[in-house]
Amino acid sequence: MAVADEEAEKVLAAYPPDRVRGKEDTLGRIREALDDGTEVEDLLQAVKAYATESAGFTRSKVCFSDNWFKSGRWRAYVEDIARGREETKAKQAEMLAGLAGWVTDRHPLCRHITPGQIDALLAAKLVTQAQIQAAGLRS
């Protein structure tokens, strides 16, 4: 079995079992989504989010796997995941910029900067090793 087939099976296995219908068609649509560049982890998260969101729904209110993938309803979930990831990156960048300001100003709150945050500041080249040491960190 090819990697794409294994990944498609893994995604389908995450779909609520009582809502799986048209297995081969669904697997084909999952493979298409993966071939088009959708990350398998994002698709897995999308399936799990839909399963959680619709957990209490009756069978007449749920979307069966063949229709969910055919209609592209999974795309909205994947877009939400990507949007959340971008928002998290923006918040992390904002937080690092604030920490870099503390370091350059030698602010008393520098003592609360963790070793992981220091590594992130250095990796992002927001501060230099000399500035870290001047702020009393990692002497």
Foldseek 3Di string as FASTA:
>chain_A
DDPLLVLLVVLLVLAPPVQEDPPVLLSVLSSVCVVVPQDSVLSSQLRNVLCVVCVPPDPVPHHHSNRCSVVVVSVVSSVVVVVVVVVVVVVVVVVLLVLLVCLQVLPPCVVVQDPVSVVVNVVVVSDHPVSCVVSVHPD
